[in-house]
């Protein structure tokens, strides 16, 4: 799908980003960049068709989100650390895939849970302040798709207790995600 059709699909054609929301969209852009690269890293898991399949499917959605964020945010306002978000995303996708499908799904579940909260905070802010209705529509659609990724990953995890190592891995992923958002908002 070409960029114009993607922009229309997400109803982003008439979105105006106000100055007070640039930092949020900068962090969204950085996050969607990282997400594309998570799935690029995971797509190298030649040993697991399940990982590669999920990486391809989710990666296509993340690429569309990135097209939208590229459209919304001028290059001059984007994070100056895009190279870092690509490297970190790739590493996260590749490393989690090395430990198998369960570890990969757990990682995606953690990441998408974080993204749901991140988008949710922005959505609530826009709803509370009754502003940027067109941006609200875009963020809601992106958030819905991220939640679908989270739910798919969760469905593929066994209902058993999370092993201690995966639990700690999740804490690390969530902590670094929080730090990345704070940095991306500023740089």
N, C-alpha and C. Protein backbone atom coordinates (compact mmCIF):
# COMPACT_ATOMS: atom_id res chain seq x y z
N UNK A 1 0.85 -1.17 0.00
CA UNK A 1 0.00 0.00 0.00
C UNK A 1 0.90 1.24 0.00
N UNK A 2 0.59 2.19 -0.86
CA UNK A 2 1.42 3.39 -0.92
C UNK A 2 1.10 4.33 0.24
N UNK A 3 2.00 5.27 0.47
CA UNK A 3 1.91 6.16 1.63
C UNK A 3 0.61 6.95 1.66
N UNK A 4 0.17 7.43 0.52
CA UNK A 4 -1.06 8.23 0.47
C UNK A 4 -2.26 7.43 0.96
N UNK A 5 -2.35 6.19 0.54
CA UNK A 5 -3.47 5.32 0.96
C UNK A 5 -3.39 5.02 2.46
N UNK A 6 -2.17 4.86 2.96
CA UNK A 6 -2.00 4.61 4.40
C UNK A 6 -2.45 5.83 5.20
N UNK A 7 -2.04 7.02 4.75
CA UNK A 7 -2.43 8.25 5.43
C UNK A 7 -3.95 8.38 5.45
N UNK A 8 -4.60 8.05 4.35
CA UNK A 8 -6.06 8.10 4.28
C UNK A 8 -6.69 7.03 5.18
N UNK A 9 -6.13 5.83 5.18
CA UNK A 9 -6.65 4.73 6.00
C UNK A 9 -6.69 5.11 7.47
N UNK A 10 -5.71 5.86 7.93
CA UNK A 10 -5.62 6.28 9.33
C UNK A 10 -6.26 7.64 9.57
N UNK A 11 -6.92 8.21 8.57
CA UNK A 11 -7.59 9.51 8.69
C UNK A 11 -6.63 10.60 9.16
N UNK A 12 -5.41 10.56 8.66
CA UNK A 12 -4.38 11.49 9.12
C UNK A 12 -4.19 12.70 8.21
N UNK A 13 -4.96 12.81 7.15
CA UNK A 13 -4.72 13.86 6.16
C UNK A 13 -4.89 15.28 6.72
N UNK A 14 -5.81 15.48 7.65
CA UNK A 14 -6.07 16.83 8.15
C UNK A 14 -5.58 17.05 9.58
N UNK A 15 -4.67 16.22 10.04
CA UNK A 15 -4.19 16.33 11.41
C UNK A 15 -3.19 17.48 11.52
N UNK A 16 -3.38 18.26 12.56
CA UNK A 16 -2.45 19.34 12.88
C UNK A 16 -1.87 19.03 14.26
N UNK A 17 -0.57 19.03 14.36
CA UNK A 17 0.11 18.78 15.63
C UNK A 17 0.42 20.14 16.26
N UNK A 18 -0.17 20.39 17.40
CA UNK A 18 0.09 21.65 18.11
C UNK A 18 1.45 21.55 18.80
N UNK A 19 2.04 22.69 19.07
CA UNK A 19 3.38 22.73 19.66
C UNK A 19 3.46 21.96 20.98
N UNK A 20 2.39 22.00 21.75
CA UNK A 20 2.42 21.31 23.04
C UNK A 20 2.35 19.79 22.91
N UNK A 21 2.11 19.30 21.70
CA UNK A 21 2.02 17.85 21.51
C UNK A 21 3.17 17.28 20.69
N UNK A 22 4.08 18.12 20.26
CA UNK A 22 5.21 17.66 19.43
C UNK A 22 6.04 16.60 20.14
N UNK A 23 6.32 16.80 21.43
CA UNK A 23 7.13 15.82 22.17
C UNK A 23 6.47 14.44 22.18
N UNK A 24 5.15 14.42 22.36
CA UNK A 24 4.43 13.14 22.35
C UNK A 24 4.58 12.44 21.00
N UNK A 25 4.37 13.19 19.94
CA UNK A 25 4.42 12.59 18.60
C UNK A 25 5.86 12.21 18.26
N UNK A 26 6.84 12.98 18.76
CA UNK A 26 8.24 12.60 18.57
C UNK A 26 8.50 11.24 19.23
N UNK A 27 7.97 11.05 20.43
CA UNK A 27 8.17 9.76 21.10
C UNK A 27 7.41 8.64 20.38
N UNK A 28 6.23 8.96 19.82
CA UNK A 28 5.48 7.97 19.04
C UNK A 28 6.27 7.57 17.79
N UNK A 29 6.82 8.58 17.12
CA UNK A 29 7.62 8.32 15.92
C UNK A 29 8.82 7.44 16.24
N UNK A 30 9.52 7.78 17.33
CA UNK A 30 10.68 6.98 17.75
C UNK A 30 10.24 5.56 18.10
N UNK A 31 9.11 5.44 18.79
CA UNK A 31 8.61 4.12 19.17
C UNK A 31 8.20 3.28 17.97
N UNK A 32 7.54 3.88 17.01
CA UNK A 32 7.14 3.14 15.81
C UNK A 32 8.37 2.76 14.98
N UNK A 33 9.40 3.61 15.00
CA UNK A 33 10.66 3.24 14.34
C UNK A 33 11.24 2.02 15.03
N UNK A 34 11.32 2.06 16.35
CA UNK A 34 11.83 0.91 17.10
C UNK A 34 11.02 -0.34 16.84
N UNK A 35 9.69 -0.20 16.76
CA UNK A 35 8.81 -1.35 16.54
C UNK A 35 9.08 -2.00 15.18
N UNK A 36 9.23 -1.18 14.15
CA UNK A 36 9.55 -1.73 12.82
C UNK A 36 10.82 -2.55 12.91
N UNK A 37 11.81 -2.04 13.63
CA UNK A 37 13.09 -2.73 13.73
C UNK A 37 13.06 -3.93 14.67
N UNK A 38 12.15 -3.95 15.65
CA UNK A 38 11.96 -5.16 16.47
C UNK A 38 11.59 -6.31 15.55
N UNK A 39 10.65 -6.06 14.66
CA UNK A 39 10.18 -7.13 13.78
C UNK A 39 11.18 -7.46 12.68
N UNK A 40 12.00 -6.49 12.28
CA UNK A 40 13.09 -6.80 11.34
C UNK A 40 14.09 -7.75 12.00
N UNK A 41 14.43 -7.47 13.26
CA UNK A 41 15.34 -8.34 13.99
C UNK A 41 14.77 -9.74 14.16
N UNK A 42 13.51 -9.82 14.52
CA UNK A 42 12.86 -11.12 14.73
C UNK A 42 12.69 -11.88 13.42
N UNK A 43 12.56 -11.16 12.32
CA UNK A 43 12.36 -11.85 11.04
C UNK A 43 13.57 -12.68 10.62
N UNK A 44 14.69 -12.46 11.29
CA UNK A 44 15.90 -13.25 10.98
C UNK A 44 15.91 -14.60 11.69
N UNK A 45 14.88 -14.89 12.45
CA UNK A 45 14.79 -16.15 13.20
C UNK A 45 14.49 -17.30 12.22
N UNK A 46 15.49 -17.67 11.44
CA UNK A 46 15.30 -18.71 10.43
C UNK A 46 14.91 -20.04 11.04
N UNK A 47 15.14 -20.22 12.32
CA UNK A 47 14.85 -21.46 13.02
C UNK A 47 13.39 -21.58 13.45
N UNK A 48 12.61 -20.50 13.30
CA UNK A 48 11.22 -20.53 13.77
C UNK A 48 10.28 -19.86 12.78
N UNK A 49 9.51 -20.67 12.10
CA UNK A 49 8.51 -20.13 11.18
C UNK A 49 7.45 -19.31 11.93
N UNK A 50 7.12 -19.72 13.16
CA UNK A 50 6.11 -19.00 13.94
C UNK A 50 6.58 -17.58 14.25
N UNK A 51 7.85 -17.44 14.62
CA UNK A 51 8.38 -16.10 14.92
C UNK A 51 8.40 -15.26 13.65
N UNK A 52 8.92 -15.84 12.57
CA UNK A 52 9.01 -15.09 11.31
C UNK A 52 7.63 -14.66 10.82
N UNK A 53 6.66 -15.53 10.96
CA UNK A 53 5.30 -15.23 10.51
C UNK A 53 4.71 -14.07 11.32
N UNK A 54 4.85 -14.14 12.64
CA UNK A 54 4.33 -13.07 13.49
C UNK A 54 5.09 -11.77 13.21
N UNK A 55 6.39 -11.87 13.04
CA UNK A 55 7.21 -10.68 12.77
C UNK A 55 6.78 -10.01 11.46
N UNK A 56 6.51 -10.81 10.45
CA UNK A 56 6.08 -10.24 9.18
C UNK A 56 4.72 -9.56 9.32
N UNK A 57 3.77 -10.26 9.93
CA UNK A 57 2.41 -9.73 10.06
C UNK A 57 2.40 -8.44 10.90
N UNK A 58 2.99 -8.49 12.08
CA UNK A 58 3.01 -7.31 12.95
C UNK A 58 3.86 -6.20 12.33
N UNK A 59 4.94 -6.59 11.70
CA UNK A 59 5.84 -5.61 11.09
C UNK A 59 5.15 -4.76 10.02
N UNK A 60 4.25 -5.38 9.27
CA UNK A 60 3.52 -4.63 8.25
C UNK A 60 2.66 -3.53 8.88
N UNK A 61 2.01 -3.84 9.98
CA UNK A 61 1.20 -2.83 10.68
C UNK A 61 2.09 -1.72 11.22
N UNK A 62 3.22 -2.10 11.82
CA UNK A 62 4.14 -1.10 12.39
C UNK A 62 4.70 -0.19 11.29
N UNK A 63 4.94 -0.74 10.12
CA UNK A 63 5.41 0.09 9.00
C UNK A 63 4.37 1.13 8.63
N UNK A 64 3.10 0.74 8.67
CA UNK A 64 2.03 1.70 8.38
C UNK A 64 1.97 2.78 9.45
N UNK A 65 2.12 2.38 10.71
CA UNK A 65 2.14 3.38 11.78
C UNK A 65 3.29 4.36 11.57
N UNK A 66 4.43 3.85 11.14
CA UNK A 66 5.59 4.73 10.93
C UNK A 66 5.34 5.69 9.76
N UNK A 67 4.68 5.22 8.72
CA UNK A 67 4.33 6.10 7.60
C UNK A 67 3.45 7.25 8.11
N UNK A 68 2.51 6.95 8.97
CA UNK A 68 1.63 7.98 9.53
C UNK A 68 2.44 8.95 10.38
N UNK A 69 3.30 8.43 11.23
CA UNK A 69 4.11 9.32 12.09
C UNK A 69 5.07 10.16 11.26
N UNK A 70 5.63 9.57 10.20
CA UNK A 70 6.49 10.34 9.28
C UNK A 70 5.70 11.51 8.69
N UNK A 71 4.46 11.25 8.34
CA UNK A 71 3.60 12.27 7.74
C UNK A 71 3.27 13.37 8.75
N UNK A 72 3.00 12.97 9.99
CA UNK A 72 2.57 13.93 11.00
C UNK A 72 3.70 14.83 11.53
N UNK A 73 4.90 14.28 11.54
CA UNK A 73 6.00 14.99 12.20
C UNK A 73 7.09 15.36 11.20
N UNK A 74 7.33 16.66 11.00
CA UNK A 74 8.39 17.07 10.09
C UNK A 74 9.75 16.52 10.54
N UNK A 75 10.63 16.30 9.62
CA UNK A 75 11.96 15.75 9.91
C UNK A 75 12.67 16.57 10.99
N UNK A 76 12.53 17.86 10.94
CA UNK A 76 13.22 18.73 11.90
C UNK A 76 12.75 18.53 13.34
N UNK A 77 11.57 17.96 13.52
CA UNK A 77 11.01 17.76 14.86
C UNK A 77 11.20 16.33 15.37
N UNK A 78 11.75 15.45 14.56
CA UNK A 78 11.91 14.05 14.94
C UNK A 78 13.10 13.87 15.88
N UNK A 79 13.11 12.75 16.57
CA UNK A 79 14.22 12.44 17.48
C UNK A 79 15.53 12.43 16.70
N UNK A 80 16.55 12.97 17.32
CA UNK A 80 17.88 12.97 16.71
C UNK A 80 18.57 11.62 16.92
N UNK A 81 17.91 10.72 17.65
CA UNK A 81 18.50 9.42 17.98
C UNK A 81 17.84 8.26 17.24
N UNK A 82 17.31 8.53 16.06
CA UNK A 82 16.62 7.48 15.30
C UNK A 82 17.53 6.26 15.10
N UNK A 83 18.80 6.50 14.84
CA UNK A 83 19.72 5.37 14.67
C UNK A 83 19.74 4.48 15.91
N UNK A 84 19.64 5.07 17.09
CA UNK A 84 19.65 4.31 18.34
C UNK A 84 18.36 3.50 18.50
N UNK A 85 17.22 4.10 18.15
CA UNK A 85 15.94 3.38 18.26
C UNK A 85 15.90 2.20 17.30
N UNK A 86 16.55 2.35 16.15
CA UNK A 86 16.63 1.24 15.19
C UNK A 86 17.49 0.11 15.77
N UNK A 87 18.64 0.46 16.29
CA UNK A 87 19.56 -0.55 16.84
C UNK A 87 18.91 -1.26 18.03
N UNK A 88 18.31 -0.50 18.92
CA UNK A 88 17.70 -1.10 20.11
C UNK A 88 16.51 -1.97 19.73
N UNK A 89 15.70 -1.51 18.79
CA UNK A 89 14.56 -2.30 18.33
C UNK A 89 15.03 -3.61 17.70
N UNK A 90 16.00 -3.51 16.81
CA UNK A 90 16.53 -4.70 16.14
C UNK A 90 17.07 -5.69 17.19
N UNK A 91 17.84 -5.17 18.12
CA UNK A 91 18.41 -6.03 19.16
C UNK A 91 17.34 -6.71 19.99
N UNK A 92 16.31 -5.97 20.35
CA UNK A 92 15.23 -6.54 21.16
C UNK A 92 14.52 -7.66 20.40
N UNK A 93 14.22 -7.42 19.15
CA UNK A 93 13.55 -8.45 18.34
C UNK A 93 14.42 -9.67 18.13
N UNK A 94 15.67 -9.44 17.80
CA UNK A 94 16.56 -10.56 17.52
C UNK A 94 16.88 -11.36 18.78
N UNK A 95 17.24 -10.66 19.85
CA UNK A 95 17.61 -11.36 21.09
C UNK A 95 16.44 -12.15 21.65
N UNK A 96 15.26 -11.55 21.68
CA UNK A 96 14.11 -12.30 22.22
C UNK A 96 13.79 -13.51 21.35
N UNK A 97 14.00 -13.41 20.05
CA UNK A 97 13.73 -14.56 19.18
C UNK A 97 14.74 -15.68 19.38
N UNK A 98 15.95 -15.34 19.82
CA UNK A 98 16.97 -16.37 20.08
C UNK A 98 16.51 -17.35 21.17
N UNK A 99 15.67 -16.88 22.08
CA UNK A 99 15.22 -17.71 23.19
C UNK A 99 13.91 -18.43 22.89
N UNK A 100 13.44 -18.33 21.66
CA UNK A 100 12.28 -19.11 21.23
C UNK A 100 10.99 -18.31 21.18
N UNK A 101 9.97 -19.01 20.70
CA UNK A 101 8.68 -18.38 20.44
C UNK A 101 8.04 -17.85 21.72
N UNK A 102 8.13 -18.58 22.81
CA UNK A 102 7.53 -18.13 24.06
C UNK A 102 8.18 -16.82 24.53
N UNK A 103 9.49 -16.75 24.48
CA UNK A 103 10.20 -15.53 24.89
C UNK A 103 9.85 -14.37 23.96
N UNK A 104 9.75 -14.66 22.68
CA UNK A 104 9.39 -13.62 21.72
C UNK A 104 7.99 -13.10 22.00
N UNK A 105 7.02 -14.00 22.19
CA UNK A 105 5.64 -13.58 22.48
C UNK A 105 5.57 -12.80 23.80
N UNK A 106 6.31 -13.24 24.78
CA UNK A 106 6.33 -12.53 26.06
C UNK A 106 6.87 -11.12 25.86
N UNK A 107 7.91 -10.98 25.08
CA UNK A 107 8.50 -9.67 24.80
C UNK A 107 7.49 -8.77 24.08
N UNK A 108 6.82 -9.31 23.08
CA UNK A 108 5.83 -8.52 22.33
C UNK A 108 4.70 -8.11 23.26
N UNK A 109 4.27 -9.02 24.12
CA UNK A 109 3.21 -8.71 25.06
C UNK A 109 3.63 -7.55 25.97
N UNK A 110 4.84 -7.59 26.48
CA UNK A 110 5.35 -6.52 27.35
C UNK A 110 5.44 -5.19 26.58
N UNK A 111 6.03 -5.24 25.40
CA UNK A 111 6.20 -4.01 24.61
C UNK A 111 4.84 -3.41 24.26
N UNK A 112 3.92 -4.22 23.78
CA UNK A 112 2.63 -3.70 23.35
C UNK A 112 1.77 -3.24 24.53
N UNK A 113 1.94 -3.85 25.69
CA UNK A 113 1.26 -3.37 26.89
C UNK A 113 1.76 -1.97 27.23
N UNK A 114 3.07 -1.79 27.12
CA UNK A 114 3.67 -0.47 27.35
C UNK A 114 3.13 0.54 26.34
N UNK A 115 3.10 0.15 25.06
CA UNK A 115 2.64 1.06 24.00
C UNK A 115 1.17 1.42 24.21
N UNK A 116 0.37 0.45 24.63
CA UNK A 116 -1.04 0.73 24.90
C UNK A 116 -1.18 1.81 25.99
N UNK A 117 -0.40 1.69 27.04
CA UNK A 117 -0.44 2.70 28.11
C UNK A 117 0.04 4.06 27.58
N UNK A 118 1.10 4.04 26.78
CA UNK A 118 1.68 5.27 26.23
C UNK A 118 0.66 6.00 25.34
N UNK A 119 0.07 5.28 24.39
CA UNK A 119 -0.95 5.89 23.55
C UNK A 119 -2.17 6.28 24.38
N UNK A 120 -2.53 5.43 25.35
CA UNK A 120 -3.69 5.70 26.20
C UNK A 120 -3.56 7.01 26.94
N UNK A 121 -2.36 7.30 27.43
CA UNK A 121 -2.12 8.56 28.14
C UNK A 121 -2.37 9.75 27.22
N UNK A 122 -1.91 9.64 25.99
CA UNK A 122 -2.12 10.73 25.03
C UNK A 122 -3.59 10.87 24.68
N UNK A 123 -4.25 9.75 24.48
CA UNK A 123 -5.67 9.76 24.13
C UNK A 123 -6.49 10.40 25.26
N UNK A 124 -6.22 10.01 26.49
CA UNK A 124 -6.94 10.59 27.63
C UNK A 124 -6.69 12.10 27.73
N UNK A 125 -5.44 12.51 27.48
CA UNK A 125 -5.12 13.94 27.51
C UNK A 125 -5.93 14.70 26.46
N UNK A 126 -5.97 14.17 25.25
CA UNK A 126 -6.72 14.84 24.19
C UNK A 126 -8.21 14.86 24.48
N UNK A 127 -8.73 13.76 25.01
CA UNK A 127 -10.16 13.70 25.36
C UNK A 127 -10.49 14.71 26.47
N UNK A 128 -9.64 14.74 27.48
CA UNK A 128 -9.87 15.63 28.63
C UNK A 128 -9.85 17.10 28.21
N UNK A 129 -8.95 17.43 27.32
CA UNK A 129 -8.79 18.83 26.89
C UNK A 129 -9.59 19.17 25.64
N UNK A 130 -10.35 18.21 25.15
CA UNK A 130 -11.21 18.39 23.98
C UNK A 130 -10.48 19.16 22.87
N UNK A 131 -9.41 18.55 22.41
CA UNK A 131 -8.65 19.20 21.35
C UNK A 131 -8.08 18.17 20.39
N UNK A 132 -7.72 18.63 19.23
CA UNK A 132 -7.08 17.79 18.20
C UNK A 132 -7.87 16.52 17.92
N UNK A 133 -9.16 16.70 17.62
CA UNK A 133 -10.03 15.56 17.36
C UNK A 133 -9.52 14.65 16.26
N UNK A 134 -8.91 15.21 15.23
CA UNK A 134 -8.39 14.37 14.14
C UNK A 134 -7.18 13.56 14.60
N UNK A 135 -6.34 14.13 15.45
CA UNK A 135 -5.21 13.39 16.00
C UNK A 135 -5.71 12.28 16.92
N UNK A 136 -6.74 12.54 17.66
CA UNK A 136 -7.33 11.56 18.55
C UNK A 136 -7.77 10.32 17.76
N UNK A 137 -8.37 10.52 16.61
CA UNK A 137 -8.80 9.41 15.76
C UNK A 137 -7.60 8.57 15.33
N UNK A 138 -6.53 9.22 14.92
CA UNK A 138 -5.32 8.52 14.48
C UNK A 138 -4.72 7.70 15.62
N UNK A 139 -4.58 8.33 16.78
CA UNK A 139 -3.98 7.64 17.92
C UNK A 139 -4.83 6.47 18.39
N UNK A 140 -6.14 6.64 18.36
CA UNK A 140 -7.02 5.52 18.75
C UNK A 140 -6.84 4.33 17.81
N UNK A 141 -6.75 4.60 16.52
CA UNK A 141 -6.59 3.49 15.55
C UNK A 141 -5.25 2.80 15.76
N UNK A 142 -4.19 3.56 15.92
CA UNK A 142 -2.88 2.96 16.16
C UNK A 142 -2.91 2.13 17.45
N UNK A 143 -3.51 2.69 18.48
CA UNK A 143 -3.57 2.00 19.77
C UNK A 143 -4.35 0.69 19.66
N UNK A 144 -5.48 0.71 18.94
CA UNK A 144 -6.27 -0.51 18.75
C UNK A 144 -5.44 -1.61 18.09
N UNK A 145 -4.64 -1.23 17.12
CA UNK A 145 -3.83 -2.23 16.42
C UNK A 145 -2.71 -2.76 17.31
N UNK A 146 -2.16 -1.88 18.15
CA UNK A 146 -1.13 -2.33 19.10
C UNK A 146 -1.74 -3.30 20.12
N UNK A 147 -2.96 -3.00 20.57
CA UNK A 147 -3.64 -3.89 21.51
C UNK A 147 -3.90 -5.25 20.85
N UNK A 148 -4.25 -5.26 19.58
CA UNK A 148 -4.45 -6.52 18.87
C UNK A 148 -3.16 -7.34 18.85
N UNK A 149 -2.01 -6.68 18.65
CA UNK A 149 -0.72 -7.37 18.69
C UNK A 149 -0.47 -7.95 20.08
N UNK A 150 -0.76 -7.14 21.11
CA UNK A 150 -0.57 -7.59 22.50
C UNK A 150 -1.43 -8.82 22.77
N UNK A 151 -2.68 -8.76 22.37
CA UNK A 151 -3.60 -9.86 22.64
C UNK A 151 -3.20 -11.13 21.88
N UNK A 152 -2.75 -10.96 20.64
CA UNK A 152 -2.29 -12.13 19.88
C UNK A 152 -1.09 -12.78 20.56
N UNK A 153 -0.15 -11.97 20.98
CA UNK A 153 1.03 -12.51 21.66
C UNK A 153 0.62 -13.21 22.96
N UNK A 154 -0.30 -12.61 23.71
CA UNK A 154 -0.75 -13.21 24.98
C UNK A 154 -1.47 -14.53 24.74
N UNK A 155 -2.27 -14.60 23.69
CA UNK A 155 -3.00 -15.84 23.37
C UNK A 155 -2.05 -16.99 23.06
N UNK A 156 -0.89 -16.67 22.54
CA UNK A 156 0.06 -17.71 22.16
C UNK A 156 0.97 -18.14 23.31
N UNK A 157 0.80 -17.49 24.45
CA UNK A 157 1.57 -17.88 25.63
C UNK A 157 0.76 -18.90 26.43
N UNK A 158 1.43 -19.90 26.97
CA UNK A 158 0.71 -20.85 27.81
C UNK A 158 0.20 -20.14 29.07
N UNK A 159 -0.87 -20.66 29.63
CA UNK A 159 -1.47 -20.04 30.81
C UNK A 159 -0.69 -20.29 32.09
N UNK A 160 0.45 -20.92 31.97
CA UNK A 160 1.25 -21.20 33.16
C UNK A 160 1.95 -19.94 33.66
N UNK A 161 2.53 -20.07 34.82
CA UNK A 161 3.28 -18.96 35.41
C UNK A 161 4.47 -18.60 34.53
N UNK A 162 4.77 -17.31 34.51
CA UNK A 162 5.92 -16.83 33.74
C UNK A 162 7.20 -17.21 34.48
N UNK A 163 8.13 -17.90 33.79
CA UNK A 163 9.40 -18.23 34.45
C UNK A 163 10.11 -16.97 34.95
N UNK A 164 10.85 -17.13 36.00
CA UNK A 164 11.52 -15.99 36.65
C UNK A 164 12.38 -15.19 35.67
N UNK A 165 13.12 -15.88 34.81
CA UNK A 165 13.98 -15.19 33.86
C UNK A 165 13.16 -14.30 32.92
N UNK A 166 12.03 -14.82 32.43
CA UNK A 166 11.17 -14.02 31.55
C UNK A 166 10.53 -12.86 32.31
N UNK A 167 10.21 -13.08 33.58
CA UNK A 167 9.66 -12.01 34.40
C UNK A 167 10.66 -10.86 34.50
N UNK A 168 11.91 -11.17 34.79
CA UNK A 168 12.94 -10.14 34.90
C UNK A 168 13.23 -9.50 33.54
N UNK A 169 13.20 -10.30 32.48
CA UNK A 169 13.37 -9.78 31.12
C UNK A 169 12.28 -8.73 30.85
N UNK A 170 11.06 -9.03 31.24
CA UNK A 170 9.95 -8.10 31.06
C UNK A 170 10.17 -6.79 31.80
N UNK A 171 10.70 -6.87 33.02
CA UNK A 171 11.00 -5.66 33.78
C UNK A 171 12.06 -4.81 33.08
N UNK A 172 13.07 -5.47 32.53
CA UNK A 172 14.12 -4.75 31.80
C UNK A 172 13.54 -4.07 30.57
N UNK A 173 12.73 -4.80 29.80
CA UNK A 173 12.14 -4.25 28.58
C UNK A 173 11.25 -3.05 28.93
N UNK A 174 10.43 -3.19 29.95
CA UNK A 174 9.55 -2.09 30.35
C UNK A 174 10.35 -0.88 30.84
N UNK A 175 11.39 -1.12 31.63
CA UNK A 175 12.21 -0.01 32.13
C UNK A 175 12.89 0.75 30.99
N UNK A 176 13.47 0.00 30.06
CA UNK A 176 14.13 0.65 28.93
C UNK A 176 13.13 1.37 28.04
N UNK A 177 11.91 0.85 27.93
CA UNK A 177 10.87 1.52 27.15
C UNK A 177 10.52 2.87 27.78
N UNK A 178 10.38 2.89 29.09
CA UNK A 178 10.11 4.15 29.80
C UNK A 178 11.22 5.16 29.58
N UNK A 179 12.46 4.70 29.70
CA UNK A 179 13.61 5.58 29.52
C UNK A 179 13.65 6.10 28.08
N UNK A 180 13.39 5.21 27.12
CA UNK A 180 13.41 5.60 25.70
C UNK A 180 12.39 6.70 25.42
N UNK A 181 11.19 6.58 25.98
CA UNK A 181 10.17 7.60 25.77
C UNK A 181 10.63 8.95 26.33
N UNK A 182 11.17 8.93 27.54
CA UNK A 182 11.64 10.18 28.14
C UNK A 182 12.71 10.84 27.30
N UNK A 183 13.64 10.02 26.79
CA UNK A 183 14.72 10.57 25.96
C UNK A 183 14.19 11.05 24.62
N UNK A 184 13.33 10.24 23.98
CA UNK A 184 12.81 10.61 22.67
C UNK A 184 11.99 11.90 22.71
N UNK A 185 11.32 12.14 23.81
CA UNK A 185 10.56 13.39 23.93
C UNK A 185 11.48 14.60 23.88
N UNK A 186 12.70 14.46 24.39
CA UNK A 186 13.62 15.60 24.50
C UNK A 186 14.64 15.71 23.37
N UNK A 187 15.07 14.54 22.86
CA UNK A 187 16.17 14.57 21.87
C UNK A 187 15.71 13.95 20.57
